[in-house]
Amino acid sequence: MGYSLQDKRNELNGEQNRDGSNDNLSWNCGVEGETDDPAIEALRERQIKNCVAILLLSQGVPMIVAGDEVRRT
């Protein structure tokens, strides 16, 4: 299990963590990759269900790749 990449971790490169963008448009519930934490798993499942619901309720033809609705990456 890795750490979350929610914040920059560039302290050791001599730039005092000023390099790179401060905008992070992704969030992985605080844990990178697989986890055994049931709270994080429940949150990820809820996010998937929310995204699929938004897609199905939006206008136009829903474009779902086989397996997207069941966490296929």
N, C-alpha and C. Protein backbone atom coordinates (compact mmCIF):
# COMPACT_ATOMS: atom_id res chain seq x y z
N MET A 1 0.86 -1.18 0.00
CA MET A 1 0.00 0.00 0.00
C MET A 1 0.90 1.23 0.00
N GLY A 2 0.70 2.10 -0.96
CA GLY A 2 1.49 3.31 -1.06
C GLY A 2 0.81 4.49 -0.39
N TYR A 3 1.52 5.59 -0.35
CA TYR A 3 0.95 6.79 0.23
C TYR A 3 0.16 7.55 -0.82
N SER A 4 -0.67 8.43 -0.35
CA SER A 4 -1.49 9.22 -1.26
C SER A 4 -0.66 10.32 -1.89
N LEU A 5 -0.91 10.57 -3.17
CA LEU A 5 -0.21 11.64 -3.89
C LEU A 5 -1.05 12.90 -3.93
N GLN A 6 -1.78 13.15 -2.86
CA GLN A 6 -2.66 14.31 -2.80
C GLN A 6 -1.86 15.61 -2.69
N ASP A 7 -0.72 15.57 -2.05
CA ASP A 7 0.12 16.76 -1.86
C ASP A 7 1.47 16.55 -2.53
N LYS A 8 2.15 17.64 -2.87
CA LYS A 8 3.47 17.54 -3.47
C LYS A 8 4.45 16.98 -2.43
N ARG A 9 5.41 16.20 -2.92
CA ARG A 9 6.43 15.62 -2.04
C ARG A 9 7.80 15.85 -2.68
N ASN A 10 8.14 17.11 -2.91
CA ASN A 10 9.39 17.45 -3.59
C ASN A 10 10.38 18.16 -2.69
N GLU A 11 10.32 17.94 -1.39
CA GLU A 11 11.15 18.69 -0.45
C GLU A 11 12.65 18.47 -0.68
N LEU A 12 13.05 17.30 -1.15
CA LEU A 12 14.46 16.96 -1.23
C LEU A 12 15.15 17.42 -2.51
N ASN A 13 14.45 18.04 -3.43
CA ASN A 13 15.09 18.39 -4.70
C ASN A 13 15.66 19.80 -4.73
N GLY A 14 15.66 20.50 -3.62
CA GLY A 14 16.28 21.82 -3.55
C GLY A 14 15.39 22.96 -3.99
N GLU A 15 14.16 22.73 -4.33
CA GLU A 15 13.25 23.78 -4.78
C GLU A 15 12.26 24.19 -3.69
N GLN A 16 12.43 23.72 -2.48
CA GLN A 16 11.54 24.02 -1.35
C GLN A 16 10.07 23.75 -1.69
N ASN A 17 9.84 22.71 -2.47
CA ASN A 17 8.49 22.26 -2.82
C ASN A 17 7.72 23.29 -3.65
N ARG A 18 8.44 24.16 -4.38
CA ARG A 18 7.80 25.18 -5.20
C ARG A 18 7.64 24.75 -6.65
N ASP A 19 8.29 23.67 -7.05
CA ASP A 19 8.22 23.25 -8.45
C ASP A 19 6.95 22.45 -8.70
N GLY A 20 6.53 22.42 -9.92
CA GLY A 20 5.33 21.68 -10.29
C GLY A 20 4.06 22.47 -9.99
N SER A 21 2.97 21.93 -10.44
CA SER A 21 1.68 22.58 -10.29
C SER A 21 1.09 22.34 -8.91
N ASN A 22 0.41 23.32 -8.38
CA ASN A 22 -0.29 23.16 -7.11
C ASN A 22 -1.70 22.63 -7.29
N ASP A 23 -2.15 22.52 -8.55
CA ASP A 23 -3.49 22.03 -8.84
C ASP A 23 -3.48 20.52 -8.95
N ASN A 24 -4.23 19.86 -8.09
CA ASN A 24 -4.36 18.41 -8.15
C ASN A 24 -5.82 18.10 -8.43
N LEU A 25 -6.09 17.55 -9.61
CA LEU A 25 -7.46 17.30 -10.01
C LEU A 25 -7.89 15.86 -9.74
N SER A 26 -7.10 15.14 -8.97
CA SER A 26 -7.44 13.76 -8.65
C SER A 26 -7.43 13.57 -7.13
N TRP A 27 -8.14 12.55 -6.69
CA TRP A 27 -8.16 12.22 -5.28
C TRP A 27 -8.42 10.73 -5.17
N ASN A 28 -7.67 10.04 -4.36
CA ASN A 28 -7.79 8.59 -4.27
C ASN A 28 -8.21 8.13 -2.87
N CYS A 29 -8.96 8.94 -2.18
CA CYS A 29 -9.49 8.61 -0.85
C CYS A 29 -8.40 8.47 0.20
N GLY A 30 -7.23 9.04 -0.05
CA GLY A 30 -6.16 9.03 0.94
C GLY A 30 -5.21 7.86 0.84
N VAL A 31 -5.46 6.89 -0.02
CA VAL A 31 -4.59 5.72 -0.15
C VAL A 31 -4.37 5.44 -1.63
N GLU A 32 -3.13 5.25 -2.01
CA GLU A 32 -2.80 4.92 -3.39
C GLU A 32 -2.90 3.41 -3.58
N GLY A 33 -3.71 2.96 -4.51
CA GLY A 33 -3.81 1.53 -4.81
C GLY A 33 -4.79 0.80 -3.92
N GLU A 34 -4.58 -0.52 -3.82
CA GLU A 34 -5.48 -1.37 -3.05
C GLU A 34 -5.34 -1.11 -1.56
N THR A 35 -6.43 -1.35 -0.83
CA THR A 35 -6.42 -1.18 0.61
C THR A 35 -7.37 -2.17 1.26
N ASP A 36 -7.13 -2.44 2.53
CA ASP A 36 -8.01 -3.32 3.31
C ASP A 36 -8.95 -2.52 4.19
N ASP A 37 -8.85 -1.20 4.15
CA ASP A 37 -9.68 -0.34 5.00
C ASP A 37 -11.12 -0.34 4.47
N PRO A 38 -12.08 -0.85 5.24
CA PRO A 38 -13.46 -0.92 4.75
C PRO A 38 -14.09 0.46 4.51
N ALA A 39 -13.67 1.47 5.25
CA ALA A 39 -14.22 2.82 5.06
C ALA A 39 -13.80 3.38 3.70
N ILE A 40 -12.54 3.18 3.33
CA ILE A 40 -12.05 3.66 2.04
C ILE A 40 -12.70 2.89 0.91
N GLU A 41 -12.84 1.58 1.06
CA GLU A 41 -13.50 0.76 0.04
C GLU A 41 -14.95 1.19 -0.15
N ALA A 42 -15.64 1.48 0.95
CA ALA A 42 -17.04 1.92 0.85
C ALA A 42 -17.13 3.27 0.14
N LEU A 43 -16.21 4.18 0.44
CA LEU A 43 -16.20 5.48 -0.22
C LEU A 43 -15.94 5.34 -1.71
N ARG A 44 -15.00 4.49 -2.07
CA ARG A 44 -14.70 4.28 -3.49
C ARG A 44 -15.89 3.67 -4.22
N GLU A 45 -16.56 2.71 -3.60
CA GLU A 45 -17.76 2.11 -4.20
C GLU A 45 -18.86 3.16 -4.41
N ARG A 46 -19.05 4.03 -3.41
CA ARG A 46 -20.07 5.09 -3.52
C ARG A 46 -19.72 6.06 -4.64
N GLN A 47 -18.43 6.40 -4.78
CA GLN A 47 -18.02 7.29 -5.86
C GLN A 47 -18.28 6.67 -7.23
N ILE A 48 -18.03 5.39 -7.36
CA ILE A 48 -18.28 4.70 -8.63
C ILE A 48 -19.77 4.73 -8.95
N LYS A 49 -20.59 4.43 -7.96
CA LYS A 49 -22.04 4.44 -8.18
C LYS A 49 -22.53 5.84 -8.55
N ASN A 50 -21.99 6.86 -7.91
CA ASN A 50 -22.36 8.23 -8.23
C ASN A 50 -21.98 8.59 -9.67
N CYS A 51 -20.78 8.21 -10.09
CA CYS A 51 -20.34 8.52 -11.45
C CYS A 51 -21.19 7.81 -12.49
N VAL A 52 -21.51 6.55 -12.24
CA VAL A 52 -22.34 5.80 -13.19
C VAL A 52 -23.74 6.41 -13.24
N ALA A 53 -24.29 6.81 -12.09
CA ALA A 53 -25.62 7.42 -12.07
C ALA A 53 -25.63 8.74 -12.85
N ILE A 54 -24.61 9.56 -12.66
CA ILE A 54 -24.52 10.83 -13.39
C ILE A 54 -24.44 10.56 -14.89
N LEU A 55 -23.63 9.58 -15.28
CA LEU A 55 -23.49 9.24 -16.69
C LEU A 55 -24.80 8.77 -17.29
N LEU A 56 -25.52 7.90 -16.57
CA LEU A 56 -26.77 7.36 -17.10
C LEU A 56 -27.88 8.39 -17.14
N LEU A 57 -27.84 9.39 -16.25
CA LEU A 57 -28.88 10.41 -16.21
C LEU A 57 -28.57 11.63 -17.08
N SER A 58 -27.37 11.69 -17.62
CA SER A 58 -27.01 12.84 -18.44
C SER A 58 -27.60 12.67 -19.84
N GLN A 59 -27.59 13.77 -20.60
CA GLN A 59 -28.14 13.73 -21.95
C GLN A 59 -27.18 13.00 -22.88
N GLY A 60 -27.73 12.38 -23.90
CA GLY A 60 -26.91 11.70 -24.89
C GLY A 60 -26.78 10.22 -24.60
N VAL A 61 -25.98 9.57 -25.41
CA VAL A 61 -25.76 8.13 -25.28
C VAL A 61 -24.67 7.89 -24.23
N PRO A 62 -24.97 7.11 -23.20
CA PRO A 62 -23.93 6.84 -22.18
C PRO A 62 -22.83 5.96 -22.76
N MET A 63 -21.61 6.37 -22.58
CA MET A 63 -20.46 5.62 -23.08
C MET A 63 -19.78 4.94 -21.91
N ILE A 64 -20.12 3.68 -21.71
CA ILE A 64 -19.53 2.89 -20.62
C ILE A 64 -18.73 1.76 -21.24
N VAL A 65 -17.46 1.69 -20.90
CA VAL A 65 -16.61 0.61 -21.37
C VAL A 65 -16.90 -0.61 -20.49
N ALA A 66 -16.93 -1.78 -21.06
CA ALA A 66 -17.26 -3.00 -20.31
C ALA A 66 -16.40 -3.12 -19.06
N GLY A 67 -17.03 -3.11 -17.92
CA GLY A 67 -16.33 -3.27 -16.66
C GLY A 67 -16.16 -2.00 -15.86
N ASP A 68 -16.42 -0.84 -16.46
CA ASP A 68 -16.27 0.42 -15.72
C ASP A 68 -17.16 0.45 -14.49
N GLU A 69 -18.34 -0.17 -14.58
CA GLU A 69 -19.28 -0.11 -13.47
C GLU A 69 -18.88 -1.03 -12.32
N VAL A 70 -17.88 -1.88 -12.52
CA VAL A 70 -17.46 -2.80 -11.46
C VAL A 70 -15.98 -2.64 -11.13
N ARG A 71 -15.44 -1.45 -11.27
CA ARG A 71 -14.08 -1.08 -10.87
C ARG A 71 -12.99 -1.72 -11.71
N ARG A 72 -13.27 -2.01 -12.95
CA ARG A 72 -12.18 -2.48 -13.81
C ARG A 72 -11.32 -1.28 -14.16
N THR A 73 -10.04 -1.39 -13.99
CA THR A 73 -9.15 -0.26 -14.30
C THR A 73 -8.32 -0.54 -15.54
